[in-house]
Amino acid sequence: MLFSSGGMPSSHTALCTALTASVALCHGVSDSLFPVCLGFTLIVMYDATGVRRHAGMQAEVLNKIVEDLFQGHPISERKLKELLGHTPSQVFAGALLGIMVAWFCCQGCIVPI
């Protein structure tokens, strides 16, 4: 479970948020790198709560259909991965973790805004 996708907190969101917060703290929000990091982070967060989460929900439905239709058949034993995306609270927790990590790591280079 530690190295699989899904779960609490969102490690992808934590990594991207830490990157964005580090750039903001060390270079300032007026640096040209900040909007690039912010855009990347927002895309990752959208993907985690939207596309991947819904793919996981569809996999859950497909697994149930295959189980019901092909009961006892070898195909019914092969399951699609259901835990793909994140709930909004998991993404929010990942974002908070990323900001805390960035704050801890960038204490020596904080630029006044």
PDB file of N, CA and C in Angstrom:
ATOM      1  N   MET A   1       0.819  -1.195   0.000  1.00  0.00           N
ATOM      2  CA  MET A   1       0.000   0.000   0.000  1.00  0.00           C
ATOM      3  C   MET A   1       0.867   1.266   0.000  1.00  0.00           C
ATOM      4  N   LEU A   2       2.069   1.180   0.574  1.00  0.00           N
ATOM      5  CA  LEU A   2       2.938   2.345   0.661  1.00  0.00           C
ATOM      6  C   LEU A   2       3.381   2.837  -0.711  1.00  0.00           C
ATOM      7  N   PHE A   3       3.586   1.939  -1.647  1.00  0.00           N
ATOM      8  CA  PHE A   3       4.091   2.326  -2.960  1.00  0.00           C
ATOM      9  C   PHE A   3       3.028   2.275  -4.054  1.00  0.00           C
ATOM     10  N   SER A   4       1.749   2.268  -3.689  1.00  0.00           N
ATOM     11  CA  SER A   4       0.685   2.232  -4.686  1.00  0.00           C
ATOM     12  C   SER A   4       0.012   3.598  -4.763  1.00  0.00           C
ATOM     13  N   SER A   5      -0.784   3.776  -5.812  1.00  0.00           N
ATOM     14  CA  SER A   5      -1.468   5.052  -5.984  1.00  0.00           C
ATOM     15  C   SER A   5      -2.735   5.090  -5.142  1.00  0.00           C
ATOM     16  N   GLY A   6      -3.210   6.288  -4.882  1.00  0.00           N
ATOM     17  CA  GLY A   6      -4.397   6.466  -4.052  1.00  0.00           C
ATOM     18  C   GLY A   6      -4.028   6.481  -2.584  1.00  0.00           C
ATOM     19  N   GLY A   7      -4.954   6.888  -1.755  1.00  0.00           N
ATOM     20  CA  GLY A   7      -4.719   6.875  -0.316  1.00  0.00           C
ATOM     21  C   GLY A   7      -4.437   8.251   0.257  1.00  0.00           C
ATOM     22  N   MET A   8      -4.176   8.266   1.550  1.00  0.00           N
ATOM     23  CA  MET A   8      -4.002   9.522   2.294  1.00  0.00           C
ATOM     24  C   MET A   8      -2.573   9.686   2.727  1.00  0.00           C
ATOM     25  N   PRO A   9      -1.945  10.801   2.589  1.00  0.00           N
ATOM     26  CA  PRO A   9      -2.333  11.934   1.744  1.00  0.00           C
ATOM     27  C   PRO A   9      -1.863  11.704   0.314  1.00  0.00           C
ATOM     28  N   SER A  10      -2.234  12.577  -0.572  1.00  0.00           N
ATOM     29  CA  SER A  10      -1.808  12.471  -1.962  1.00  0.00           C
ATOM     30  C   SER A  10      -0.333  12.859  -2.062  1.00  0.00           C
ATOM     31  N   SER A  11       0.519  11.891  -2.340  1.00  0.00           N
ATOM     32  CA  SER A  11       1.964  12.174  -2.406  1.00  0.00           C
ATOM     33  C   SER A  11       2.317  13.022  -3.621  1.00  0.00           C
ATOM     34  N   HIS A  12       1.580  12.847  -4.727  1.00  0.00           N
ATOM     35  CA  HIS A  12       1.836  13.676  -5.906  1.00  0.00           C
ATOM     36  C   HIS A  12       1.527  15.143  -5.602  1.00  0.00           C
ATOM     37  N   THR A  13       0.408  15.369  -4.934  1.00  0.00           N
ATOM     38  CA  THR A  13       0.043  16.735  -4.558  1.00  0.00           C
ATOM     39  C   THR A  13       1.050  17.303  -3.573  1.00  0.00           C
ATOM     40  N   ALA A  14       1.492  16.499  -2.622  1.00  0.00           N
ATOM     41  CA  ALA A  14       2.468  16.967  -1.635  1.00  0.00           C
ATOM     42  C   ALA A  14       3.768  17.379  -2.324  1.00  0.00           C
ATOM     43  N   LEU A  15       4.247  16.562  -3.259  1.00  0.00           N
ATOM     44  CA  LEU A  15       5.485  16.877  -3.968  1.00  0.00           C
ATOM     45  C   LEU A  15       5.347  18.159  -4.782  1.00  0.00           C
ATOM     46  N   CYS A  16       4.262  18.279  -5.540  1.00  0.00           N
ATOM     47  CA  CYS A  16       4.070  19.457  -6.389  1.00  0.00           C
ATOM     48  C   CYS A  16       3.845  20.717  -5.564  1.00  0.00           C
ATOM     49  N   THR A  17       3.097  20.594  -4.477  1.00  0.00           N
ATOM     50  CA  THR A  17       2.865  21.750  -3.620  1.00  0.00           C
ATOM     51  C   THR A  17       4.154  22.176  -2.921  1.00  0.00           C
ATOM     52  N   ALA A  18       4.966  21.217  -2.514  1.00  0.00           N
ATOM     53  CA  ALA A  18       6.254  21.547  -1.905  1.00  0.00           C
ATOM     54  C   ALA A  18       7.147  22.275  -2.902  1.00  0.00           C
ATOM     55  N   LEU A  19       7.137  21.849  -4.147  1.00  0.00           N
ATOM     56  CA  LEU A  19       7.922  22.521  -5.190  1.00  0.00           C
ATOM     57  C   LEU A  19       7.443  23.955  -5.384  1.00  0.00           C
ATOM     58  N   THR A  20       6.138  24.131  -5.517  1.00  0.00           N
ATOM     59  CA  THR A  20       5.581  25.467  -5.734  1.00  0.00           C
ATOM     60  C   THR A  20       5.829  26.372  -4.534  1.00  0.00           C
ATOM     61  N   ALA A  21       5.614  25.854  -3.341  1.00  0.00           N
ATOM     62  CA  ALA A  21       5.839  26.662  -2.134  1.00  0.00           C
ATOM     63  C   ALA A  21       7.320  26.991  -1.966  1.00  0.00           C
ATOM     64  N   SER A  22       8.197  26.071  -2.322  1.00  0.00           N
ATOM     65  CA  SER A  22       9.644  26.329  -2.230  1.00  0.00           C
ATOM     66  C   SER A  22      10.062  27.440  -3.177  1.00  0.00           C
ATOM     67  N   VAL A  23       9.545  27.407  -4.379  1.00  0.00           N
ATOM     68  CA  VAL A  23       9.849  28.474  -5.349  1.00  0.00           C
ATOM     69  C   VAL A  23       9.318  29.805  -4.833  1.00  0.00           C
ATOM     70  N   ALA A  24       8.102  29.803  -4.286  1.00  0.00           N
ATOM     71  CA  ALA A  24       7.528  31.037  -3.749  1.00  0.00           C
ATOM     72  C   ALA A  24       8.342  31.565  -2.572  1.00  0.00           C
ATOM     73  N   LEU A  25       8.789  30.684  -1.696  1.00  0.00           N
ATOM     74  CA  LEU A  25       9.539  31.118  -0.513  1.00  0.00           C
ATOM     75  C   LEU A  25      10.959  31.556  -0.853  1.00  0.00           C
ATOM     76  N   CYS A  26      11.629  30.832  -1.748  1.00  0.00           N
ATOM     77  CA  CYS A  26      13.042  31.111  -2.033  1.00  0.00           C
ATOM     78  C   CYS A  26      13.255  32.145  -3.135  1.00  0.00           C
ATOM     79  N   HIS A  27      12.317  32.234  -4.082  1.00  0.00           N
ATOM     80  CA  HIS A  27      12.489  33.156  -5.210  1.00  0.00           C
ATOM     81  C   HIS A  27      11.436  34.247  -5.253  1.00  0.00           C
ATOM     82  N   GLY A  28      10.352  34.065  -4.530  1.00  0.00           N
ATOM     83  CA  GLY A  28       9.255  35.025  -4.539  1.00  0.00           C
ATOM     84  C   GLY A  28       8.215  34.666  -5.592  1.00  0.00           C
ATOM     85  N   VAL A  29       7.002  35.171  -5.405  1.00  0.00           N
ATOM     86  CA  VAL A  29       5.925  34.864  -6.340  1.00  0.00           C
ATOM     87  C   VAL A  29       6.043  35.660  -7.632  1.00  0.00           C
ATOM     88  N   SER A  30       6.893  36.672  -7.656  1.00  0.00           N
ATOM     89  CA  SER A  30       7.071  37.450  -8.886  1.00  0.00           C
ATOM     90  C   SER A  30       8.077  36.802  -9.841  1.00  0.00           C
ATOM     91  N   ASP A  31       8.763  35.744  -9.405  1.00  0.00           N
ATOM     92  CA  ASP A  31       9.702  35.026 -10.266  1.00  0.00           C
ATOM     93  C   ASP A  31       8.929  34.300 -11.365  1.00  0.00           C
ATOM     94  N   SER A  32       9.512  34.216 -12.544  1.00  0.00           N
ATOM     95  CA  SER A  32       8.821  33.596 -13.675  1.00  0.00           C
ATOM     96  C   SER A  32       8.621  32.089 -13.506  1.00  0.00           C
ATOM     97  N   LEU A  33       9.357  31.470 -12.604  1.00  0.00           N
ATOM     98  CA  LEU A  33       9.212  30.036 -12.367  1.00  0.00           C
ATOM     99  C   LEU A  33       7.958  29.710 -11.550  1.00  0.00           C
ATOM    100  N   PHE A  34       7.491  30.659 -10.745  1.00  0.00           N
ATOM    101  CA  PHE A  34       6.355  30.410  -9.874  1.00  0.00           C
ATOM    102  C   PHE A  34       5.076  30.045 -10.633  1.00  0.00           C
ATOM    103  N   PRO A  35       4.649  30.802 -11.660  1.00  0.00           N
ATOM    104  CA  PRO A  35       3.414  30.416 -12.349  1.00  0.00           C
ATOM    105  C   PRO A  35       3.512  29.064 -13.057  1.00  0.00           C
ATOM    106  N   VAL A  36       4.704  28.704 -13.505  1.00  0.00           N
ATOM    107  CA  VAL A  36       4.889  27.388 -14.129  1.00  0.00           C
ATOM    108  C   VAL A  36       4.651  26.286 -13.094  1.00  0.00           C
ATOM    109  N   CYS A  37       5.261  26.444 -11.918  1.00  0.00           N
ATOM    110  CA  CYS A  37       5.075  25.460 -10.844  1.00  0.00           C
ATOM    111  C   CYS A  37       3.625  25.420 -10.380  1.00  0.00           C
ATOM    112  N   LEU A  38       3.014  26.583 -10.267  1.00  0.00           N
ATOM    113  CA  LEU A  38       1.624  26.651  -9.821  1.00  0.00           C
ATOM    114  C   LEU A  38       0.700  25.952 -10.822  1.00  0.00           C
ATOM    115  N   GLY A  39       0.903  26.213 -12.103  1.00  0.00           N
ATOM    116  CA  GLY A  39       0.093  25.554 -13.125  1.00  0.00           C
ATOM    117  C   GLY A  39       0.265  24.050 -13.090  1.00  0.00           C
ATOM    118  N   PHE A  40       1.500  23.589 -12.957  1.00  0.00           N
ATOM    119  CA  PHE A  40       1.780  22.162 -12.874  1.00  0.00           C
ATOM    120  C   PHE A  40       1.083  21.544 -11.663  1.00  0.00           C
ATOM    121  N   THR A  41       1.153  22.226 -10.533  1.00  0.00           N
ATOM    122  CA  THR A  41       0.530  21.734  -9.302  1.00  0.00           C
ATOM    123  C   THR A  41      -0.982  21.649  -9.439  1.00  0.00           C
ATOM    124  N   LEU A  42      -1.585  22.660 -10.026  1.00  0.00           N
ATOM    125  CA  LEU A  42      -3.038  22.654 -10.191  1.00  0.00           C
ATOM    126  C   LEU A  42      -3.495  21.536 -11.131  1.00  0.00           C
ATOM    127  N   ILE A  43      -2.725  21.274 -12.181  1.00  0.00           N
ATOM    128  CA  ILE A  43      -3.055  20.181 -13.098  1.00  0.00           C
ATOM    129  C   ILE A  43      -2.972  18.838 -12.374  1.00  0.00           C
ATOM    130  N   VAL A  44      -1.924  18.642 -11.591  1.00  0.00           N
ATOM    131  CA  VAL A  44      -1.763  17.384 -10.848  1.00  0.00           C
ATOM    132  C   VAL A  44      -2.906  17.203  -9.849  1.00  0.00           C
ATOM    133  N   MET A  45      -3.281  18.270  -9.154  1.00  0.00           N
ATOM    134  CA  MET A  45      -4.367  18.182  -8.180  1.00  0.00           C
ATOM    135  C   MET A  45      -5.704  17.905  -8.869  1.00  0.00           C
ATOM    136  N   TYR A  46      -5.940  18.524 -10.012  1.00  0.00           N
ATOM    137  CA  TYR A  46      -7.164  18.283 -10.769  1.00  0.00           C
ATOM    138  C   TYR A  46      -7.213  16.835 -11.245  1.00  0.00           C
ATOM    139  N   ASP A  47      -6.091  16.353 -11.738  1.00  0.00           N
ATOM    140  CA  ASP A  47      -6.020  14.979 -12.225  1.00  0.00           C
ATOM    141  C   ASP A  47      -6.276  13.981 -11.096  1.00  0.00           C
ATOM    142  N   ALA A  48      -5.724  14.246  -9.924  1.00  0.00           N
ATOM    143  CA  ALA A  48      -5.874  13.324  -8.790  1.00  0.00           C
ATOM    144  C   ALA A  48      -7.327  13.224  -8.330  1.00  0.00           C
ATOM    145  N   THR A  49      -8.013  14.365  -8.281  1.00  0.00           N
ATOM    146  CA  THR A  49      -9.401  14.344  -7.794  1.00  0.00           C
ATOM    147  C   THR A  49     -10.402  14.093  -8.900  1.00  0.00           C
ATOM    148  N   GLY A  50     -10.035  14.319 -10.139  1.00  0.00           N
ATOM    149  CA  GLY A  50     -10.981  14.189 -11.236  1.00  0.00           C
ATOM    150  C   GLY A  50     -10.795  12.926 -12.034  1.00  0.00           C
ATOM    151  N   VAL A  51      -9.887  12.977 -12.976  1.00  0.00           N
ATOM    152  CA  VAL A  51      -9.722  11.917 -13.962  1.00  0.00           C
ATOM    153  C   VAL A  51      -9.384  10.581 -13.312  1.00  0.00           C
ATOM    154  N   ARG A  52      -8.342  10.537 -12.491  1.00  0.00           N
ATOM    155  CA  ARG A  52      -7.923   9.258 -11.894  1.00  0.00           C
ATOM    156  C   ARG A  52      -8.955   8.726 -10.906  1.00  0.00           C
ATOM    157  N   ARG A  53      -9.596   9.601 -10.161  1.00  0.00           N
ATOM    158  CA  ARG A  53     -10.601   9.152  -9.198  1.00  0.00           C
ATOM    159  C   ARG A  53     -11.786   8.520  -9.918  1.00  0.00           C
ATOM    160  N   HIS A  54     -12.230   9.157 -11.005  1.00  0.00           N
ATOM    161  CA  HIS A  54     -13.358   8.607 -11.747  1.00  0.00           C
ATOM    162  C   HIS A  54     -12.980   7.317 -12.468  1.00  0.00           C
ATOM    163  N   ALA A  55     -11.752   7.199 -12.905  1.00  0.00           N
ATOM    164  CA  ALA A  55     -11.301   5.933 -13.502  1.00  0.00           C
ATOM    165  C   ALA A  55     -11.354   4.818 -12.468  1.00  0.00           C
ATOM    166  N   GLY A  56     -10.999   5.119 -11.241  1.00  0.00           N
ATOM    167  CA  GLY A  56     -11.088   4.133 -10.159  1.00  0.00           C
ATOM    168  C   GLY A  56     -12.526   3.737  -9.857  1.00  0.00           C
ATOM    169  N   MET A  57     -13.438   4.721  -9.913  1.00  0.00           N
ATOM    170  CA  MET A  57     -14.848   4.424  -9.679  1.00  0.00           C
ATOM    171  C   MET A  57     -15.402   3.560 -10.813  1.00  0.00           C
ATOM    172  N   GLN A  58     -14.982   3.819 -12.040  1.00  0.00           N
ATOM    173  CA  GLN A  58     -15.413   2.995 -13.171  1.00  0.00           C
ATOM    174  C   GLN A  58     -14.851   1.578 -13.051  1.00  0.00           C
ATOM    175  N   ALA A  59     -13.614   1.449 -12.599  1.00  0.00           N
ATOM    176  CA  ALA A  59     -13.019   0.123 -12.418  1.00  0.00           C
ATOM    177  C   ALA A  59     -13.802  -0.673 -11.385  1.00  0.00           C
ATOM    178  N   GLU A  60     -14.267  -0.012 -10.354  1.00  0.00           N
ATOM    179  CA  GLU A  60     -15.067  -0.686  -9.322  1.00  0.00           C
ATOM    180  C   GLU A  60     -16.365  -1.236  -9.917  1.00  0.00           C
ATOM    181  N   VAL A  61     -17.027  -0.434 -10.757  1.00  0.00           N
ATOM    182  CA  VAL A  61     -18.273  -0.870 -11.397  1.00  0.00           C
ATOM    183  C   VAL A  61     -17.995  -2.016 -12.369  1.00  0.00           C
ATOM    184  N   LEU A  62     -16.936  -1.893 -13.160  1.00  0.00           N
ATOM    185  CA  LEU A  62     -16.588  -2.953 -14.110  1.00  0.00           C
ATOM    186  C   LEU A  62     -16.250  -4.259 -13.398  1.00  0.00           C
ATOM    187  N   ASN A  63     -15.527  -4.182 -12.294  1.00  0.00           N
ATOM    188  CA  ASN A  63     -15.221  -5.391 -11.530  1.00  0.00           C
ATOM    189  C   ASN A  63     -16.496  -6.079 -11.047  1.00  0.00           C
ATOM    190  N   LYS A  64     -17.460  -5.292 -10.608  1.00  0.00           N
ATOM    191  CA  LYS A  64     -18.731  -5.852 -10.126  1.00  0.00           C
ATOM    192  C   LYS A  64     -19.503  -6.494 -11.277  1.00  0.00           C
ATOM    193  N   ILE A  65     -19.515  -5.847 -12.452  1.00  0.00           N
ATOM    194  CA  ILE A  65     -20.214  -6.405 -13.614  1.00  0.00           C
ATOM    195  C   ILE A  65     -19.574  -7.723 -14.039  1.00  0.00           C
ATOM    196  N   VAL A  66     -18.254  -7.747 -14.144  1.00  0.00           N
ATOM    197  CA  VAL A  66     -17.552  -8.963 -14.550  1.00  0.00           C
ATOM    198  C   VAL A  66     -17.773 -10.072 -13.526  1.00  0.00           C
ATOM    199  N   GLU A  67     -17.771  -9.724 -12.261  1.00  0.00           N
ATOM    200  CA  GLU A  67     -17.994 -10.720 -11.198  1.00  0.00           C
ATOM    201  C   GLU A  67     -19.392 -11.327 -11.307  1.00  0.00           C
ATOM    202  N   ASP A  68     -20.382 -10.485 -11.594  1.00  0.00           N
ATOM    203  CA  ASP A  68     -21.762 -10.971 -11.693  1.00  0.00           C
ATOM    204  C   ASP A  68     -22.007 -11.783 -12.966  1.00  0.00           C
ATOM    205  N   LEU A  69     -21.461 -11.322 -14.089  1.00  0.00           N
ATOM    206  CA  LEU A  69     -21.718 -11.981 -15.369  1.00  0.00           C
ATOM    207  C   LEU A  69     -20.887 -13.244 -15.585  1.00  0.00           C
ATOM    208  N   PHE A  70     -19.664 -13.237 -15.105  1.00  0.00           N
ATOM    209  CA  PHE A  70     -18.745 -14.335 -15.386  1.00  0.00           C
ATOM    210  C   PHE A  70     -18.352 -15.092 -14.113  1.00  0.00           C
ATOM    211  N   GLN A  71     -19.304 -15.301 -13.241  1.00  0.00           N
ATOM    212  CA  GLN A  71     -19.027 -15.983 -11.985  1.00  0.00           C
ATOM    213  C   GLN A  71     -18.531 -17.407 -12.259  1.00  0.00           C
ATOM    214  N   GLY A  72     -17.374 -17.743 -11.699  1.00  0.00           N
ATOM    215  CA  GLY A  72     -16.780 -19.060 -11.895  1.00  0.00           C
ATOM    216  C   GLY A  72     -15.868 -19.145 -13.115  1.00  0.00           C
ATOM    217  N   HIS A  73     -15.883 -18.165 -13.956  1.00  0.00           N
ATOM    218  CA  HIS A  73     -15.028 -18.128 -15.148  1.00  0.00           C
ATOM    219  C   HIS A  73     -13.685 -17.502 -14.756  1.00  0.00           C
ATOM    220  N   PRO A  74     -12.584 -17.932 -15.396  1.00  0.00           N
ATOM    221  CA  PRO A  74     -11.267 -17.372 -15.030  1.00  0.00           C
ATOM    222  C   PRO A  74     -11.163 -15.851 -15.186  1.00  0.00           C
ATOM    223  N   ILE A  75     -11.944 -15.280 -16.093  1.00  0.00           N
ATOM    224  CA  ILE A  75     -11.873 -13.824 -16.282  1.00  0.00           C
ATOM    225  C   ILE A  75     -12.382 -13.071 -15.047  1.00  0.00           C
ATOM    226  N   SER A  76     -13.258 -13.713 -14.274  1.00  0.00           N
ATOM    227  CA  SER A  76     -13.807 -13.035 -13.096  1.00  0.00           C
ATOM    228  C   SER A  76     -12.793 -12.921 -11.958  1.00  0.00           C
ATOM    229  N   GLU A  77     -11.702 -13.660 -12.057  1.00  0.00           N
ATOM    230  CA  GLU A  77     -10.680 -13.605 -11.009  1.00  0.00           C
ATOM    231  C   GLU A  77      -9.701 -12.448 -11.216  1.00  0.00           C
ATOM    232  N   ARG A  78      -9.652 -11.915 -12.424  1.00  0.00           N
ATOM    233  CA  ARG A  78      -8.746 -10.794 -12.728  1.00  0.00           C
ATOM    234  C   ARG A  78      -9.475  -9.494 -12.448  1.00  0.00           C
ATOM    235  N   LYS A  79      -8.961  -8.724 -11.514  1.00  0.00           N
ATOM    236  CA  LYS A  79      -9.617  -7.489 -11.088  1.00  0.00           C
ATOM    237  C   LYS A  79      -8.857  -6.265 -11.580  1.00  0.00           C
ATOM    238  N   LEU A  80      -9.603  -5.224 -11.939  1.00  0.00           N
ATOM    239  CA  LEU A  80      -9.008  -3.939 -12.265  1.00  0.00           C
ATOM    240  C   LEU A  80      -8.680  -3.211 -10.962  1.00  0.00           C
ATOM    241  N   LYS A  81      -7.656  -2.380 -10.998  1.00  0.00           N
ATOM    242  CA  LYS A  81      -7.268  -1.623  -9.813  1.00  0.00           C
ATOM    243  C   LYS A  81      -8.302  -0.530  -9.557  1.00  0.00           C
ATOM    244  N   GLU A  82      -8.866  -0.539  -8.367  1.00  0.00           N
ATOM    245  CA  GLU A  82      -9.938   0.392  -8.033  1.00  0.00           C
ATOM    246  C   GLU A  82      -9.463   1.645  -7.314  1.00  0.00           C
ATOM    247  N   LEU A  83      -8.376   1.555  -6.607  1.00  0.00           N
ATOM    248  CA  LEU A  83      -7.887   2.698  -5.839  1.00  0.00           C
ATOM    249  C   LEU A  83      -6.873   3.467  -6.679  1.00  0.00           C
ATOM    250  N   LEU A  84      -7.368   4.400  -7.498  1.00  0.00           N
ATOM    251  CA  LEU A  84      -6.497   5.141  -8.403  1.00  0.00           C
ATOM    252  C   LEU A  84      -6.344   6.598  -7.990  1.00  0.00           C
ATOM    253  N   GLY A  85      -7.426   7.284  -7.805  1.00  0.00           N
ATOM    254  CA  GLY A  85      -7.373   8.707  -7.521  1.00  0.00           C
ATOM    255  C   GLY A  85      -7.493   9.015  -6.045  1.00  0.00           C
ATOM    256  N   HIS A  86      -7.822  10.263  -5.767  1.00  0.00           N
ATOM    257  CA  HIS A  86      -7.913  10.731  -4.380  1.00  0.00           C
ATOM    258  C   HIS A  86      -9.206  11.485  -4.163  1.00  0.00           C
ATOM    259  N   THR A  87      -9.660  11.479  -2.935  1.00  0.00           N
ATOM    260  CA  THR A  87     -10.777  12.328  -2.543  1.00  0.00           C
ATOM    261  C   THR A  87     -10.230  13.741  -2.342  1.00  0.00           C
ATOM    262  N   PRO A  88     -11.099  14.744  -2.385  1.00  0.00           N
ATOM    263  CA  PRO A  88     -10.617  16.111  -2.149  1.00  0.00           C
ATOM    264  C   PRO A  88      -9.897  16.280  -0.804  1.00  0.00           C
ATOM    265  N   SER A  89     -10.331  15.577   0.231  1.00  0.00           N
ATOM    266  CA  SER A  89      -9.659  15.704   1.535  1.00  0.00           C
ATOM    267  C   SER A  89      -8.246  15.113   1.488  1.00  0.00           C
ATOM    268  N   GLN A  90      -8.031  14.051   0.716  1.00  0.00           N
ATOM    269  CA  GLN A  90      -6.689  13.471   0.574  1.00  0.00           C
ATOM    270  C   GLN A  90      -5.767  14.419  -0.178  1.00  0.00           C
ATOM    271  N   VAL A  91      -6.302  15.097  -1.188  1.00  0.00           N
ATOM    272  CA  VAL A  91      -5.516  16.076  -1.937  1.00  0.00           C
ATOM    273  C   VAL A  91      -5.203  17.286  -1.056  1.00  0.00           C
ATOM    274  N   PHE A  92      -6.180  17.728  -0.280  1.00  0.00           N
ATOM    275  CA  PHE A  92      -5.967  18.849   0.633  1.00  0.00           C
ATOM    276  C   PHE A  92      -4.893  18.509   1.665  1.00  0.00           C
ATOM    277  N   ALA A  93      -4.936  17.301   2.205  1.00  0.00           N
ATOM    278  CA  ALA A  93      -3.917  16.871   3.175  1.00  0.00           C
ATOM    279  C   ALA A  93      -2.536  16.829   2.521  1.00  0.00           C
ATOM    280  N   GLY A  94      -2.468  16.376   1.276  1.00  0.00           N
ATOM    281  CA  GLY A  94      -1.195  16.367   0.554  1.00  0.00           C
ATOM    282  C   GLY A  94      -0.663  17.775   0.343  1.00  0.00           C
ATOM    283  N   ALA A  95      -1.567  18.709   0.028  1.00  0.00           N
ATOM    284  CA  ALA A  95      -1.156  20.102  -0.167  1.00  0.00           C
ATOM    285  C   ALA A  95      -0.606  20.694   1.133  1.00  0.00           C
ATOM    286  N   LEU A  96      -1.279  20.429   2.244  1.00  0.00           N
ATOM    287  CA  LEU A  96      -0.792  20.921   3.537  1.00  0.00           C
ATOM    288  C   LEU A  96       0.566  20.324   3.886  1.00  0.00           C
ATOM    289  N   LEU A  97       0.720  19.038   3.632  1.00  0.00           N
ATOM    290  CA  LEU A  97       2.001  18.383   3.896  1.00  0.00           C
ATOM    291  C   LEU A  97       3.105  19.009   3.040  1.00  0.00           C
ATOM    292  N   GLY A  98       2.819  19.256   1.776  1.00  0.00           N
ATOM    293  CA  GLY A  98       3.808  19.871   0.889  1.00  0.00           C
ATOM    294  C   GLY A  98       4.224  21.256   1.350  1.00  0.00           C
ATOM    295  N   ILE A  99       3.255  22.049   1.787  1.00  0.00           N
ATOM    296  CA  ILE A  99       3.568  23.405   2.277  1.00  0.00           C
ATOM    297  C   ILE A  99       4.419  23.331   3.542  1.00  0.00           C
ATOM    298  N   MET A 100       4.090  22.401   4.439  1.00  0.00           N
ATOM    299  CA  MET A 100       4.892  22.261   5.674  1.00  0.00           C
ATOM    300  C   MET A 100       6.318  21.815   5.368  1.00  0.00           C
ATOM    301  N   VAL A 101       6.475  20.891   4.442  1.00  0.00           N
ATOM    302  CA  VAL A 101       7.816  20.430   4.060  1.00  0.00           C
ATOM    303  C   VAL A 101       8.602  21.575   3.436  1.00  0.00           C
ATOM    304  N   ALA A 102       7.970  22.340   2.556  1.00  0.00           N
ATOM    305  CA  ALA A 102       8.651  23.477   1.927  1.00  0.00           C
ATOM    306  C   ALA A 102       9.060  24.508   2.972  1.00  0.00           C
ATOM    307  N   TRP A 103       8.170  24.793   3.905  1.00  0.00           N
ATOM    308  CA  TRP A 103       8.480  25.770   4.961  1.00  0.00           C
ATOM    309  C   TRP A 103       9.670  25.299   5.791  1.00  0.00           C
ATOM    310  N   PHE A 104       9.695  24.015   6.126  1.00  0.00           N
ATOM    311  CA  PHE A 104      10.788  23.456   6.919  1.00  0.00           C
ATOM    312  C   PHE A 104      12.104  23.496   6.145  1.00  0.00           C
ATOM    313  N   CYS A 105      12.064  23.141   4.868  1.00  0.00           N
ATOM    314  CA  CYS A 105      13.299  23.041   4.074  1.00  0.00           C
ATOM    315  C   CYS A 105      13.832  24.401   3.624  1.00  0.00           C
ATOM    316  N   CYS A 106      12.988  25.398   3.521  1.00  0.00           N
ATOM    317  CA  CYS A 106      13.395  26.694   2.970  1.00  0.00           C
ATOM    318  C   CYS A 106      13.549  27.785   4.019  1.00  0.00           C
ATOM    319  N   GLN A 107      13.726  27.407   5.272  1.00  0.00           N
ATOM    320  CA  GLN A 107      13.810  28.424   6.322  1.00  0.00           C
ATOM    321  C   GLN A 107      15.005  29.367   6.144  1.00  0.00           C
ATOM    322  N   GLY A 108      16.077  28.887   5.547  1.00  0.00           N
ATOM    323  CA  GLY A 108      17.263  29.722   5.401  1.00  0.00           C
ATOM    324  C   GLY A 108      17.245  30.648   4.193  1.00  0.00           C
ATOM    325  N   CYS A 109      16.298  30.472   3.281  1.00  0.00           N
ATOM    326  CA  CYS A 109      16.332  31.274   2.062  1.00  0.00           C
ATOM    327  C   CYS A 109      15.028  31.987   1.763  1.00  0.00           C
ATOM    328  N   ILE A 110      14.236  32.289   2.767  1.00  0.00           N
ATOM    329  CA  ILE A 110      12.936  32.928   2.548  1.00  0.00           C
ATOM    330  C   ILE A 110      13.140  34.364   2.059  1.00  0.00           C
ATOM    331  N   VAL A 111      12.508  34.667   0.930  1.00  0.00           N
ATOM    332  CA  VAL A 111      12.584  36.000   0.316  1.00  0.00           C
ATOM    333  C   VAL A 111      11.381  36.808   0.765  1.00  0.00           C
ATOM    334  N   PRO A 112      11.588  38.069   1.191  1.00  0.00           N
ATOM    335  CA  PRO A 112      10.439  38.890   1.563  1.00  0.00           C
ATOM    336  C   PRO A 112       9.590  39.193   0.324  1.00  0.00           C
ATOM    337  N   ILE A 113       8.280  39.147   0.516  1.00  0.00           N
ATOM    338  CA  ILE A 113       7.366  39.349  -0.615  1.00  0.00           C
ATOM    339  C   ILE A 113       7.206  40.812  -0.934  1.00  0.00           C
TER     340      ILE A 113
END
